[in-house]
Amino acid sequence: MRDDPQAADLLETALAVLKDRLLPHLPADCRYDALMVANAMGIAARQVRAGAHPEDEAHARLSALYTDKRETLAELESALAADIRAGRFDPGAPERAAVVDHLRATTLAKLAESNPKAAKGR
């Protein structure tokens, strides 16, 4: 068991120091790089906080759609992409609503990690 602060807390503290204390003192030609580092730290903190939950939910949604021997999320996503390209879920397909719901949920989960401000408006 880990002691507090946890990894996400450490990342968020380091991010705050970077943005609030260090960034204002950096030369202009280094600010963009520092902001990229800050963005990466924020994404990493959100991923740590979310844990495997988003992937587990995606796996569950796709496992309900594909009941054959595909086991990993990557295998399920590959099958989904191939089936979308092949037109399996075009309008009128019985499983289309489930696929649209999955794609929406997956997009919102990714936004919650990479751009939470954009995800809040959805």
PDB file of N, CA and C in Angstrom:
ATOM      1  N   MET A   1       0.844  -1.177   0.000  1.00  0.00           N
ATOM      2  CA  MET A   1       0.000   0.000   0.000  1.00  0.00           C
ATOM      3  C   MET A   1       0.889   1.241   0.000  1.00  0.00           C
ATOM      4  N   ARG A   2       0.494   2.199  -0.768  1.00  0.00           N
ATOM      5  CA  ARG A   2       1.271   3.446  -0.872  1.00  0.00           C
ATOM      6  C   ARG A   2       0.799   4.460   0.164  1.00  0.00           C
ATOM      7  N   ASP A   3       1.754   5.253   0.624  1.00  0.00           N
ATOM      8  CA  ASP A   3       1.410   6.339   1.531  1.00  0.00           C
ATOM      9  C   ASP A   3       0.947   7.541   0.723  1.00  0.00           C
ATOM     10  N   ASP A   4       0.260   8.448   1.393  1.00  0.00           N
ATOM     11  CA  ASP A   4      -0.109   9.711   0.764  1.00  0.00           C
ATOM     12  C   ASP A   4       1.098  10.625   0.763  1.00  0.00           C
ATOM     13  N   PRO A   5       1.285  11.456  -0.189  1.00  0.00           N
ATOM     14  CA  PRO A   5       0.393  11.688  -1.323  1.00  0.00           C
ATOM     15  C   PRO A   5       0.550  10.619  -2.405  1.00  0.00           C
ATOM     16  N   GLN A   6      -0.548  10.372  -3.079  1.00  0.00           N
ATOM     17  CA  GLN A   6      -0.578   9.412  -4.170  1.00  0.00           C
ATOM     18  C   GLN A   6       0.033  10.031  -5.419  1.00  0.00           C
ATOM     19  N   ALA A   7       0.259   9.205  -6.435  1.00  0.00           N
ATOM     20  CA  ALA A   7       0.912   9.651  -7.674  1.00  0.00           C
ATOM     21  C   ALA A   7       0.182  10.827  -8.314  1.00  0.00           C
ATOM     22  N   ALA A   8      -1.135  10.754  -8.403  1.00  0.00           N
ATOM     23  CA  ALA A   8      -1.888  11.845  -9.030  1.00  0.00           C
ATOM     24  C   ALA A   8      -1.722  13.142  -8.240  1.00  0.00           C
ATOM     25  N   ASP A   9      -1.712  13.026  -6.911  1.00  0.00           N
ATOM     26  CA  ASP A   9      -1.516  14.218  -6.077  1.00  0.00           C
ATOM     27  C   ASP A   9      -0.132  14.820  -6.302  1.00  0.00           C
ATOM     28  N   LEU A  10       0.875  13.957  -6.400  1.00  0.00           N
ATOM     29  CA  LEU A  10       2.238  14.441  -6.648  1.00  0.00           C
ATOM     30  C   LEU A  10       2.335  15.143  -7.995  1.00  0.00           C
ATOM     31  N   LEU A  11       1.725  14.550  -9.011  1.00  0.00           N
ATOM     32  CA  LEU A  11       1.737  15.179 -10.336  1.00  0.00           C
ATOM     33  C   LEU A  11       1.025  16.523 -10.312  1.00  0.00           C
ATOM     34  N   GLU A  12      -0.114  16.585  -9.635  1.00  0.00           N
ATOM     35  CA  GLU A  12      -0.863  17.840  -9.579  1.00  0.00           C
ATOM     36  C   GLU A  12      -0.095  18.914  -8.808  1.00  0.00           C
ATOM     37  N   THR A  13       0.599  18.532  -7.747  1.00  0.00           N
ATOM     38  CA  THR A  13       1.409  19.497  -6.999  1.00  0.00           C
ATOM     39  C   THR A  13       2.565  19.999  -7.862  1.00  0.00           C
ATOM     40  N   ALA A  14       3.245  19.081  -8.539  1.00  0.00           N
ATOM     41  CA  ALA A  14       4.348  19.481  -9.418  1.00  0.00           C
ATOM     42  C   ALA A  14       3.839  20.365 -10.548  1.00  0.00           C
ATOM     43  N   LEU A  15       2.683  20.063 -11.071  1.00  0.00           N
ATOM     44  CA  LEU A  15       2.084  20.868 -12.135  1.00  0.00           C
ATOM     45  C   LEU A  15       1.798  22.281 -11.639  1.00  0.00           C
ATOM     46  N   ALA A  16       1.239  22.390 -10.456  1.00  0.00           N
ATOM     47  CA  ALA A  16       0.942  23.717  -9.896  1.00  0.00           C
ATOM     48  C   ALA A  16       2.221  24.522  -9.695  1.00  0.00           C
ATOM     49  N   VAL A  17       3.272  23.884  -9.201  1.00  0.00           N
ATOM     50  CA  VAL A  17       4.552  24.584  -9.020  1.00  0.00           C
ATOM     51  C   VAL A  17       5.091  25.039 -10.368  1.00  0.00           C
ATOM     52  N   LEU A  18       5.041  24.160 -11.339  1.00  0.00           N
ATOM     53  CA  LEU A  18       5.528  24.512 -12.671  1.00  0.00           C
ATOM     54  C   LEU A  18       4.776  25.712 -13.234  1.00  0.00           C
ATOM     55  N   LYS A  19       3.451  25.674 -13.176  1.00  0.00           N
ATOM     56  CA  LYS A  19       2.652  26.742 -13.776  1.00  0.00           C
ATOM     57  C   LYS A  19       2.686  28.038 -12.970  1.00  0.00           C
ATOM     58  N   ASP A  20       2.603  27.921 -11.642  1.00  0.00           N
ATOM     59  CA  ASP A  20       2.463  29.115 -10.812  1.00  0.00           C
ATOM     60  C   ASP A  20       3.791  29.762 -10.421  1.00  0.00           C
ATOM     61  N   ARG A  21       4.819  28.955 -10.205  1.00  0.00           N
ATOM     62  CA  ARG A  21       6.071  29.503  -9.692  1.00  0.00           C
ATOM     63  C   ARG A  21       7.186  29.544 -10.719  1.00  0.00           C
ATOM     64  N   LEU A  22       7.284  28.517 -11.562  1.00  0.00           N
ATOM     65  CA  LEU A  22       8.420  28.452 -12.484  1.00  0.00           C
ATOM     66  C   LEU A  22       8.134  29.103 -13.832  1.00  0.00           C
ATOM     67  N   LEU A  23       6.984  28.838 -14.392  1.00  0.00           N
ATOM     68  CA  LEU A  23       6.653  29.346 -15.725  1.00  0.00           C
ATOM     69  C   LEU A  23       6.809  30.864 -15.852  1.00  0.00           C
ATOM     70  N   PRO A  24       6.347  31.639 -14.874  1.00  0.00           N
ATOM     71  CA  PRO A  24       6.493  33.086 -15.013  1.00  0.00           C
ATOM     72  C   PRO A  24       7.950  33.558 -15.108  1.00  0.00           C
ATOM     73  N   HIS A  25       8.887  32.750 -14.656  1.00  0.00           N
ATOM     74  CA  HIS A  25      10.301  33.143 -14.658  1.00  0.00           C
ATOM     75  C   HIS A  25      11.078  32.584 -15.844  1.00  0.00           C
ATOM     76  N   LEU A  26      10.432  31.783 -16.645  1.00  0.00           N
ATOM     77  CA  LEU A  26      11.122  31.197 -17.797  1.00  0.00           C
ATOM     78  C   LEU A  26      11.199  32.203 -18.943  1.00  0.00           C
ATOM     79  N   PRO A  27      12.265  32.143 -19.711  1.00  0.00           N
ATOM     80  CA  PRO A  27      12.352  33.011 -20.890  1.00  0.00           C
ATOM     81  C   PRO A  27      11.240  32.649 -21.879  1.00  0.00           C
ATOM     82  N   ALA A  28      10.839  33.592 -22.659  1.00  0.00           N
ATOM     83  CA  ALA A  28       9.731  33.404 -23.603  1.00  0.00           C
ATOM     84  C   ALA A  28       9.944  32.214 -24.520  1.00  0.00           C
ATOM     85  N   ASP A  29      11.183  31.962 -24.929  1.00  0.00           N
ATOM     86  CA  ASP A  29      11.427  30.860 -25.858  1.00  0.00           C
ATOM     87  C   ASP A  29      11.309  29.483 -25.190  1.00  0.00           C
ATOM     88  N   CYS A  30      11.146  29.439 -23.873  1.00  0.00           N
ATOM     89  CA  CYS A  30      10.978  28.169 -23.158  1.00  0.00           C
ATOM     90  C   CYS A  30       9.540  27.940 -22.688  1.00  0.00           C
ATOM     91  N   ARG A  31       8.706  28.936 -22.805  1.00  0.00           N
ATOM     92  CA  ARG A  31       7.341  28.824 -22.267  1.00  0.00           C
ATOM     93  C   ARG A  31       6.507  27.753 -22.964  1.00  0.00           C
ATOM     94  N   TYR A  32       6.604  27.686 -24.277  1.00  0.00           N
ATOM     95  CA  TYR A  32       5.821  26.683 -25.012  1.00  0.00           C
ATOM     96  C   TYR A  32       6.193  25.277 -24.541  1.00  0.00           C
ATOM     97  N   ASP A  33       7.483  25.022 -24.415  1.00  0.00           N
ATOM     98  CA  ASP A  33       7.926  23.705 -23.949  1.00  0.00           C
ATOM     99  C   ASP A  33       7.423  23.421 -22.541  1.00  0.00           C
ATOM    100  N   ALA A  34       7.478  24.413 -21.679  1.00  0.00           N
ATOM    101  CA  ALA A  34       7.002  24.234 -20.312  1.00  0.00           C
ATOM    102  C   ALA A  34       5.499  23.974 -20.281  1.00  0.00           C
ATOM    103  N   LEU A  35       4.754  24.653 -21.139  1.00  0.00           N
ATOM    104  CA  LEU A  35       3.309  24.413 -21.200  1.00  0.00           C
ATOM    105  C   LEU A  35       2.996  23.013 -21.725  1.00  0.00           C
ATOM    106  N   MET A  36       3.816  22.514 -22.663  1.00  0.00           N
ATOM    107  CA  MET A  36       3.625  21.137 -23.134  1.00  0.00           C
ATOM    108  C   MET A  36       3.877  20.145 -22.001  1.00  0.00           C
ATOM    109  N   VAL A  37       4.921  20.398 -21.208  1.00  0.00           N
ATOM    110  CA  VAL A  37       5.211  19.537 -20.064  1.00  0.00           C
ATOM    111  C   VAL A  37       4.058  19.610 -19.058  1.00  0.00           C
ATOM    112  N   ALA A  38       3.559  20.799 -18.808  1.00  0.00           N
ATOM    113  CA  ALA A  38       2.442  20.971 -17.878  1.00  0.00           C
ATOM    114  C   ALA A  38       1.206  20.220 -18.375  1.00  0.00           C
ATOM    115  N   ASN A  39       0.939  20.309 -19.657  1.00  0.00           N
ATOM    116  CA  ASN A  39      -0.205  19.598 -20.221  1.00  0.00           C
ATOM    117  C   ASN A  39      -0.039  18.091 -20.061  1.00  0.00           C
ATOM    118  N   ALA A  40       1.153  17.583 -20.345  1.00  0.00           N
ATOM    119  CA  ALA A  40       1.420  16.153 -20.204  1.00  0.00           C
ATOM    120  C   ALA A  40       1.255  15.704 -18.753  1.00  0.00           C
ATOM    121  N   MET A  41       1.707  16.534 -17.817  1.00  0.00           N
ATOM    122  CA  MET A  41       1.564  16.190 -16.403  1.00  0.00           C
ATOM    123  C   MET A  41       0.093  16.156 -15.991  1.00  0.00           C
ATOM    124  N   GLY A  42      -0.694  17.085 -16.509  1.00  0.00           N
ATOM    125  CA  GLY A  42      -2.119  17.094 -16.202  1.00  0.00           C
ATOM    126  C   GLY A  42      -2.821  15.861 -16.745  1.00  0.00           C
ATOM    127  N   ILE A  43      -2.497  15.485 -17.972  1.00  0.00           N
ATOM    128  CA  ILE A  43      -3.085  14.276 -18.559  1.00  0.00           C
ATOM    129  C   ILE A  43      -2.680  13.054 -17.741  1.00  0.00           C
ATOM    130  N   ALA A  44      -1.408  12.962 -17.388  1.00  0.00           N
ATOM    131  CA  ALA A  44      -0.938  11.818 -16.604  1.00  0.00           C
ATOM    132  C   ALA A  44      -1.655  11.738 -15.259  1.00  0.00           C
ATOM    133  N   ALA A  45      -1.857  12.867 -14.609  1.00  0.00           N
ATOM    134  CA  ALA A  45      -2.563  12.875 -13.323  1.00  0.00           C
ATOM    135  C   ALA A  45      -3.992  12.387 -13.492  1.00  0.00           C
ATOM    136  N   ARG A  46      -4.672  12.847 -14.533  1.00  0.00           N
ATOM    137  CA  ARG A  46      -6.052  12.406 -14.761  1.00  0.00           C
ATOM    138  C   ARG A  46      -6.101  10.921 -15.104  1.00  0.00           C
ATOM    139  N   GLN A  47      -5.120  10.423 -15.856  1.00  0.00           N
ATOM    140  CA  GLN A  47      -5.081   8.995 -16.174  1.00  0.00           C
ATOM    141  C   GLN A  47      -4.846   8.158 -14.919  1.00  0.00           C
ATOM    142  N   VAL A  48      -3.963   8.626 -14.056  1.00  0.00           N
ATOM    143  CA  VAL A  48      -3.716   7.908 -12.811  1.00  0.00           C
ATOM    144  C   VAL A  48      -4.984   7.874 -11.967  1.00  0.00           C
ATOM    145  N   ARG A  49      -5.667   9.009 -11.870  1.00  0.00           N
ATOM    146  CA  ARG A  49      -6.905   9.063 -11.081  1.00  0.00           C
ATOM    147  C   ARG A  49      -7.984   8.138 -11.647  1.00  0.00           C
ATOM    148  N   ALA A  50      -8.096   8.083 -12.968  1.00  0.00           N
ATOM    149  CA  ALA A  50      -9.128   7.246 -13.602  1.00  0.00           C
ATOM    150  C   ALA A  50      -8.789   5.767 -13.497  1.00  0.00           C
ATOM    151  N   GLY A  51      -7.510   5.447 -13.430  1.00  0.00           N
ATOM    152  CA  GLY A  51      -7.106   4.042 -13.374  1.00  0.00           C
ATOM    153  C   GLY A  51      -7.532   3.306 -14.631  1.00  0.00           C
ATOM    154  N   ALA A  52      -7.880   2.060 -14.479  1.00  0.00           N
ATOM    155  CA  ALA A  52      -8.281   1.225 -15.617  1.00  0.00           C
ATOM    156  C   ALA A  52      -9.767   1.339 -15.924  1.00  0.00           C
ATOM    157  N   HIS A  53     -10.469   2.157 -15.166  1.00  0.00           N
ATOM    158  CA  HIS A  53     -11.926   2.255 -15.307  1.00  0.00           C
ATOM    159  C   HIS A  53     -12.394   2.545 -16.743  1.00  0.00           C
ATOM    160  N   PRO A  54     -11.849   3.544 -17.442  1.00  0.00           N
ATOM    161  CA  PRO A  54     -12.325   3.797 -18.808  1.00  0.00           C
ATOM    162  C   PRO A  54     -12.112   2.608 -19.746  1.00  0.00           C
ATOM    163  N   GLU A  55     -10.947   1.960 -19.638  1.00  0.00           N
ATOM    164  CA  GLU A  55     -10.686   0.797 -20.485  1.00  0.00           C
ATOM    165  C   GLU A  55     -11.593  -0.369 -20.119  1.00  0.00           C
ATOM    166  N   ASP A  56     -11.830  -0.564 -18.825  1.00  0.00           N
ATOM    167  CA  ASP A  56     -12.722  -1.646 -18.384  1.00  0.00           C
ATOM    168  C   ASP A  56     -14.137  -1.440 -18.911  1.00  0.00           C
ATOM    169  N   GLU A  57     -14.610  -0.189 -18.866  1.00  0.00           N
ATOM    170  CA  GLU A  57     -15.956   0.098 -19.374  1.00  0.00           C
ATOM    171  C   GLU A  57     -16.025  -0.120 -20.885  1.00  0.00           C
ATOM    172  N   ALA A  58     -15.006   0.321 -21.615  1.00  0.00           N
ATOM    173  CA  ALA A  58     -14.981   0.121 -23.063  1.00  0.00           C
ATOM    174  C   ALA A  58     -14.953  -1.369 -23.387  1.00  0.00           C
ATOM    175  N   HIS A  59     -14.159  -2.114 -22.650  1.00  0.00           N
ATOM    176  CA  HIS A  59     -14.077  -3.557 -22.861  1.00  0.00           C
ATOM    177  C   HIS A  59     -15.440  -4.210 -22.633  1.00  0.00           C
ATOM    178  N   ALA A  60     -16.118  -3.798 -21.582  1.00  0.00           N
ATOM    179  CA  ALA A  60     -17.435  -4.366 -21.284  1.00  0.00           C
ATOM    180  C   ALA A  60     -18.438  -4.046 -22.395  1.00  0.00           C
ATOM    181  N   ARG A  61     -18.427  -2.805 -22.878  1.00  0.00           N
ATOM    182  CA  ARG A  61     -19.360  -2.440 -23.955  1.00  0.00           C
ATOM    183  C   ARG A  61     -19.095  -3.256 -25.208  1.00  0.00           C
ATOM    184  N   LEU A  62     -17.828  -3.391 -25.584  1.00  0.00           N
ATOM    185  CA  LEU A  62     -17.501  -4.115 -26.808  1.00  0.00           C
ATOM    186  C   LEU A  62     -17.659  -5.622 -26.637  1.00  0.00           C
ATOM    187  N   SER A  63     -17.423  -6.135 -25.449  1.00  0.00           N
ATOM    188  CA  SER A  63     -17.633  -7.563 -25.206  1.00  0.00           C
ATOM    189  C   SER A  63     -19.105  -7.933 -25.351  1.00  0.00           C
ATOM    190  N   ALA A  64     -19.986  -7.006 -25.006  1.00  0.00           N
ATOM    191  CA  ALA A  64     -21.416  -7.259 -25.188  1.00  0.00           C
ATOM    192  C   ALA A  64     -21.773  -7.298 -26.670  1.00  0.00           C
ATOM    193  N   LEU A  65     -21.022  -6.580 -27.476  1.00  0.00           N
ATOM    194  CA  LEU A  65     -21.272  -6.521 -28.915  1.00  0.00           C
ATOM    195  C   LEU A  65     -20.652  -7.717 -29.634  1.00  0.00           C
ATOM    196  N   TYR A  66     -19.478  -8.116 -29.184  1.00  0.00           N
ATOM    197  CA  TYR A  66     -18.739  -9.231 -29.789  1.00  0.00           C
ATOM    198  C   TYR A  66     -18.643 -10.361 -28.771  1.00  0.00           C
ATOM    199  N   THR A  67     -19.340 -11.424 -29.007  1.00  0.00           N
ATOM    200  CA  THR A  67     -19.361 -12.523 -28.041  1.00  0.00           C
ATOM    201  C   THR A  67     -18.440 -13.674 -28.446  1.00  0.00           C
ATOM    202  N   ASP A  68     -17.606 -13.464 -29.476  1.00  0.00           N
ATOM    203  CA  ASP A  68     -16.687 -14.529 -29.879  1.00  0.00           C
ATOM    204  C   ASP A  68     -15.416 -14.490 -29.038  1.00  0.00           C
ATOM    205  N   LYS A  69     -14.330 -14.997 -29.531  1.00  0.00           N
ATOM    206  CA  LYS A  69     -13.134 -15.196 -28.724  1.00  0.00           C
ATOM    207  C   LYS A  69     -12.202 -13.980 -28.632  1.00  0.00           C
ATOM    208  N   ARG A  70     -12.604 -12.833 -29.082  1.00  0.00           N
ATOM    209  CA  ARG A  70     -11.750 -11.646 -28.934  1.00  0.00           C
ATOM    210  C   ARG A  70     -11.681 -11.299 -27.450  1.00  0.00           C
ATOM    211  N   GLU A  71     -10.474 -11.202 -26.941  1.00  0.00           N
ATOM    212  CA  GLU A  71     -10.331 -11.017 -25.498  1.00  0.00           C
ATOM    213  C   GLU A  71      -9.835  -9.648 -25.088  1.00  0.00           C
ATOM    214  N   THR A  72      -8.896  -9.086 -25.833  1.00  0.00           N
ATOM    215  CA  THR A  72      -8.318  -7.813 -25.397  1.00  0.00           C
ATOM    216  C   THR A  72      -9.110  -6.645 -25.973  1.00  0.00           C
ATOM    217  N   LEU A  73      -8.975  -5.518 -25.316  1.00  0.00           N
ATOM    218  CA  LEU A  73      -9.625  -4.309 -25.810  1.00  0.00           C
ATOM    219  C   LEU A  73      -9.104  -3.963 -27.197  1.00  0.00           C
ATOM    220  N   ALA A  74      -7.818  -4.132 -27.425  1.00  0.00           N
ATOM    221  CA  ALA A  74      -7.249  -3.845 -28.753  1.00  0.00           C
ATOM    222  C   ALA A  74      -7.878  -4.728 -29.825  1.00  0.00           C
ATOM    223  N   GLU A  75      -8.079  -6.002 -29.530  1.00  0.00           N
ATOM    224  CA  GLU A  75      -8.722  -6.902 -30.497  1.00  0.00           C
ATOM    225  C   GLU A  75     -10.164  -6.481 -30.766  1.00  0.00           C
ATOM    226  N   LEU A  76     -10.856  -6.101 -29.722  1.00  0.00           N
ATOM    227  CA  LEU A  76     -12.254  -5.670 -29.881  1.00  0.00           C
ATOM    228  C   LEU A  76     -12.334  -4.368 -30.675  1.00  0.00           C
ATOM    229  N   GLU A  77     -11.443  -3.430 -30.380  1.00  0.00           N
ATOM    230  CA  GLU A  77     -11.444  -2.161 -31.112  1.00  0.00           C
ATOM    231  C   GLU A  77     -11.080  -2.376 -32.582  1.00  0.00           C
ATOM    232  N   SER A  78     -10.169  -3.283 -32.844  1.00  0.00           N
ATOM    233  CA  SER A  78      -9.796  -3.596 -34.220  1.00  0.00           C
ATOM    234  C   SER A  78     -10.983  -4.184 -34.978  1.00  0.00           C
ATOM    235  N   ALA A  79     -11.709  -5.077 -34.340  1.00  0.00           N
ATOM    236  CA  ALA A  79     -12.896  -5.672 -34.959  1.00  0.00           C
ATOM    237  C   ALA A  79     -13.953  -4.603 -35.213  1.00  0.00           C
ATOM    238  N   LEU A  80     -14.136  -3.717 -34.250  1.00  0.00           N
ATOM    239  CA  LEU A  80     -15.118  -2.641 -34.412  1.00  0.00           C
ATOM    240  C   LEU A  80     -14.751  -1.756 -35.598  1.00  0.00           C
ATOM    241  N   ALA A  81     -13.492  -1.362 -35.691  1.00  0.00           N
ATOM    242  CA  ALA A  81     -13.066  -0.506 -36.802  1.00  0.00           C
ATOM    243  C   ALA A  81     -13.301  -1.205 -38.140  1.00  0.00           C
ATOM    244  N   ALA A  82     -12.954  -2.475 -38.220  1.00  0.00           N
ATOM    245  CA  ALA A  82     -13.151  -3.229 -39.471  1.00  0.00           C
ATOM    246  C   ALA A  82     -14.631  -3.321 -39.814  1.00  0.00           C
ATOM    247  N   ASP A  83     -15.459  -3.561 -38.809  1.00  0.00           N
ATOM    248  CA  ASP A  83     -16.900  -3.677 -39.058  1.00  0.00           C
ATOM    249  C   ASP A  83     -17.530  -2.342 -39.440  1.00  0.00           C
ATOM    250  N   ILE A  84     -17.047  -1.258 -38.867  1.00  0.00           N
ATOM    251  CA  ILE A  84     -17.543   0.064 -39.262  1.00  0.00           C
ATOM    252  C   ILE A  84     -17.182   0.328 -40.721  1.00  0.00           C
ATOM    253  N   ARG A  85     -15.922   0.046 -41.072  1.00  0.00           N
ATOM    254  CA  ARG A  85     -15.497   0.230 -42.470  1.00  0.00           C
ATOM    255  C   ARG A  85     -16.312  -0.641 -43.427  1.00  0.00           C
ATOM    256  N   ALA A  86     -16.679  -1.827 -42.986  1.00  0.00           N
ATOM    257  CA  ALA A  86     -17.429  -2.762 -43.834  1.00  0.00           C
ATOM    258  C   ALA A  86     -18.921  -2.422 -43.901  1.00  0.00           C
ATOM    259  N   GLY A  87     -19.371  -1.452 -43.094  1.00  0.00           N
ATOM    260  CA  GLY A  87     -20.771  -1.044 -43.138  1.00  0.00           C
ATOM    261  C   GLY A  87     -21.694  -1.837 -42.235  1.00  0.00           C
ATOM    262  N   ARG A  88     -21.144  -2.634 -41.341  1.00  0.00           N
ATOM    263  CA  ARG A  88     -21.975  -3.479 -40.479  1.00  0.00           C
ATOM    264  C   ARG A  88     -22.913  -2.670 -39.587  1.00  0.00           C
ATOM    265  N   PHE A  89     -22.528  -1.458 -39.249  1.00  0.00           N
ATOM    266  CA  PHE A  89     -23.326  -0.654 -38.321  1.00  0.00           C
ATOM    267  C   PHE A  89     -23.928   0.573 -38.994  1.00  0.00           C
ATOM    268  N   ASP A  90     -24.129   0.499 -40.293  1.00  0.00           N
ATOM    269  CA  ASP A  90     -24.755   1.600 -41.026  1.00  0.00           C
ATOM    270  C   ASP A  90     -26.195   1.793 -40.539  1.00  0.00           C
ATOM    271  N   PRO A  91     -26.821   2.926 -40.891  1.00  0.00           N
ATOM    272  CA  PRO A  91     -28.199   3.165 -40.453  1.00  0.00           C
ATOM    273  C   PRO A  91     -29.099   1.972 -40.758  1.00  0.00           C
ATOM    274  N   GLY A  92     -29.899   1.636 -39.757  1.00  0.00           N
ATOM    275  CA  GLY A  92     -30.814   0.508 -39.876  1.00  0.00           C
ATOM    276  C   GLY A  92     -30.276  -0.773 -39.265  1.00  0.00           C
ATOM    277  N   ALA A  93     -28.979  -0.824 -38.989  1.00  0.00           N
ATOM    278  CA  ALA A  93     -28.397  -2.017 -38.377  1.00  0.00           C
ATOM    279  C   ALA A  93     -28.877  -2.137 -36.934  1.00  0.00           C
ATOM    280  N   PRO A  94     -29.219  -3.349 -36.496  1.00  0.00           N
ATOM    281  CA  PRO A  94     -29.771  -3.510 -35.144  1.00  0.00           C
ATOM    282  C   PRO A  94     -28.800  -3.103 -34.021  1.00  0.00           C
ATOM    283  N   GLU A  95     -27.502  -3.201 -34.256  1.00  0.00           N
ATOM    284  CA  GLU A  95     -26.531  -2.889 -33.214  1.00  0.00           C
ATOM    285  C   GLU A  95     -25.986  -1.461 -33.313  1.00  0.00           C
ATOM    286  N   ARG A  96     -26.518  -0.688 -34.232  1.00  0.00           N
ATOM    287  CA  ARG A  96     -25.998   0.663 -34.460  1.00  0.00           C
ATOM    288  C   ARG A  96     -26.065   1.540 -33.208  1.00  0.00           C
ATOM    289  N   ALA A  97     -27.168   1.510 -32.492  1.00  0.00           N
ATOM    290  CA  ALA A  97     -27.314   2.353 -31.300  1.00  0.00           C
ATOM    291  C   ALA A  97     -26.247   2.008 -30.261  1.00  0.00           C
ATOM    292  N   ALA A  98     -25.959   0.724 -30.090  1.00  0.00           N
ATOM    293  CA  ALA A  98     -24.935   0.319 -29.125  1.00  0.00           C
ATOM    294  C   ALA A  98     -23.564   0.827 -29.552  1.00  0.00           C
ATOM    295  N   VAL A  99     -23.285   0.803 -30.848  1.00  0.00           N
ATOM    296  CA  VAL A  99     -21.994   1.282 -31.349  1.00  0.00           C
ATOM    297  C   VAL A  99     -21.893   2.793 -31.178  1.00  0.00           C
ATOM    298  N   VAL A 100     -22.946   3.518 -31.503  1.00  0.00           N
ATOM    299  CA  VAL A 100     -22.942   4.976 -31.336  1.00  0.00           C
ATOM    300  C   VAL A 100     -22.746   5.323 -29.859  1.00  0.00           C
ATOM    301  N   ASP A 101     -23.441   4.615 -28.972  1.00  0.00           N
ATOM    302  CA  ASP A 101     -23.282   4.857 -27.532  1.00  0.00           C
ATOM    303  C   ASP A 101     -21.843   4.583 -27.092  1.00  0.00           C
ATOM    304  N   HIS A 102     -21.264   3.493 -27.603  1.00  0.00           N
ATOM    305  CA  HIS A 102     -19.877   3.170 -27.257  1.00  0.00           C
ATOM    306  C   HIS A 102     -18.927   4.257 -27.739  1.00  0.00           C
ATOM    307  N   LEU A 103     -19.082   4.681 -28.978  1.00  0.00           N
ATOM    308  CA  LEU A 103     -18.190   5.707 -29.531  1.00  0.00           C
ATOM    309  C   LEU A 103     -18.328   7.023 -28.776  1.00  0.00           C
ATOM    310  N   ARG A 104     -19.533   7.370 -28.395  1.00  0.00           N
ATOM    311  CA  ARG A 104     -19.756   8.601 -27.619  1.00  0.00           C
ATOM    312  C   ARG A 104     -19.095   8.482 -26.240  1.00  0.00           C
ATOM    313  N   ALA A 105     -19.315   7.372 -25.559  1.00  0.00           N
ATOM    314  CA  ALA A 105     -18.733   7.175 -24.227  1.00  0.00           C
ATOM    315  C   ALA A 105     -17.210   7.155 -24.290  1.00  0.00           C
ATOM    316  N   THR A 106     -16.659   6.514 -25.311  1.00  0.00           N
ATOM    317  CA  THR A 106     -15.208   6.450 -25.467  1.00  0.00           C
ATOM    318  C   THR A 106     -14.632   7.840 -25.726  1.00  0.00           C
ATOM    319  N   THR A 107     -15.290   8.600 -26.570  1.00  0.00           N
ATOM    320  CA  THR A 107     -14.826   9.958 -26.868  1.00  0.00           C
ATOM    321  C   THR A 107     -14.873  10.825 -25.626  1.00  0.00           C
ATOM    322  N   LEU A 108     -15.947  10.742 -24.864  1.00  0.00           N
ATOM    323  CA  LEU A 108     -16.050  11.548 -23.640  1.00  0.00           C
ATOM    324  C   LEU A 108     -15.015  11.137 -22.601  1.00  0.00           C
ATOM    325  N   ALA A 109     -14.724   9.842 -22.499  1.00  0.00           N
ATOM    326  CA  ALA A 109     -13.697   9.378 -21.563  1.00  0.00           C
ATOM    327  C   ALA A 109     -12.323   9.899 -21.976  1.00  0.00           C
ATOM    328  N   LYS A 110     -12.050   9.884 -23.273  1.00  0.00           N
ATOM    329  CA  LYS A 110     -10.763  10.402 -23.752  1.00  0.00           C
ATOM    330  C   LYS A 110     -10.672  11.907 -23.528  1.00  0.00           C
ATOM    331  N   LEU A 111     -11.768  12.614 -23.764  1.00  0.00           N
ATOM    332  CA  LEU A 111     -11.776  14.057 -23.513  1.00  0.00           C
ATOM    333  C   LEU A 111     -11.589  14.375 -22.036  1.00  0.00           C
ATOM    334  N   ALA A 112     -12.168  13.569 -21.169  1.00  0.00           N
ATOM    335  CA  ALA A 112     -12.031  13.795 -19.728  1.00  0.00           C
ATOM    336  C   ALA A 112     -10.570  13.748 -19.306  1.00  0.00           C
ATOM    337  N   GLU A 113      -9.774  12.955 -20.017  1.00  0.00           N
ATOM    338  CA  GLU A 113      -8.345  12.883 -19.705  1.00  0.00           C
ATOM    339  C   GLU A 113      -7.543  13.963 -20.418  1.00  0.00           C
ATOM    340  N   SER A 114      -7.815  14.158 -21.699  1.00  0.00           N
ATOM    341  CA  SER A 114      -6.959  15.048 -22.484  1.00  0.00           C
ATOM    342  C   SER A 114      -7.400  16.502 -22.472  1.00  0.00           C
ATOM    343  N   ASN A 115      -8.704  16.749 -22.346  1.00  0.00           N
ATOM    344  CA  ASN A 115      -9.215  18.120 -22.384  1.00  0.00           C
ATOM    345  C   ASN A 115     -10.507  18.194 -21.576  1.00  0.00           C
ATOM    346  N   PRO A 116     -10.395  18.160 -20.252  1.00  0.00           N
ATOM    347  CA  PRO A 116     -11.606  18.092 -19.414  1.00  0.00           C
ATOM    348  C   PRO A 116     -12.554  19.268 -19.587  1.00  0.00           C
ATOM    349  N   LYS A 117     -12.046  20.433 -19.971  1.00  0.00           N
ATOM    350  CA  LYS A 117     -12.937  21.567 -20.188  1.00  0.00           C
ATOM    351  C   LYS A 117     -13.890  21.287 -21.336  1.00  0.00           C
ATOM    352  N   ALA A 118     -13.405  20.652 -22.386  1.00  0.00           N
ATOM    353  CA  ALA A 118     -14.257  20.307 -23.531  1.00  0.00           C
ATOM    354  C   ALA A 118     -15.257  19.235 -23.145  1.00  0.00           C
ATOM    355  N   ALA A 119     -14.875  18.312 -22.266  1.00  0.00           N
ATOM    356  CA  ALA A 119     -15.768  17.216 -21.875  1.00  0.00           C
ATOM    357  C   ALA A 119     -16.917  17.707 -21.002  1.00  0.00           C
ATOM    358  N   LYS A 120     -16.697  18.766 -20.228  1.00  0.00           N
ATOM    359  CA  LYS A 120     -17.736  19.265 -19.334  1.00  0.00           C
ATOM    360  C   LYS A 120     -18.934  19.831 -20.082  1.00  0.00           C
ATOM    361  N   GLY A 121     -18.721  20.336 -21.273  1.00  0.00           N
ATOM    362  CA  GLY A 121     -19.812  20.918 -22.030  1.00  0.00           C
ATOM    363  C   GLY A 121     -20.659  19.890 -22.747  1.00  0.00           C
ATOM    364  N   ARG A 122     -20.379  18.623 -22.552  1.00  0.00           N
ATOM    365  CA  ARG A 122     -21.100  17.558 -23.287  1.00  0.00           C
ATOM    366  C   ARG A 122     -22.086  16.869 -22.415  1.00  0.00           C
TER     367      ARG A 122
END
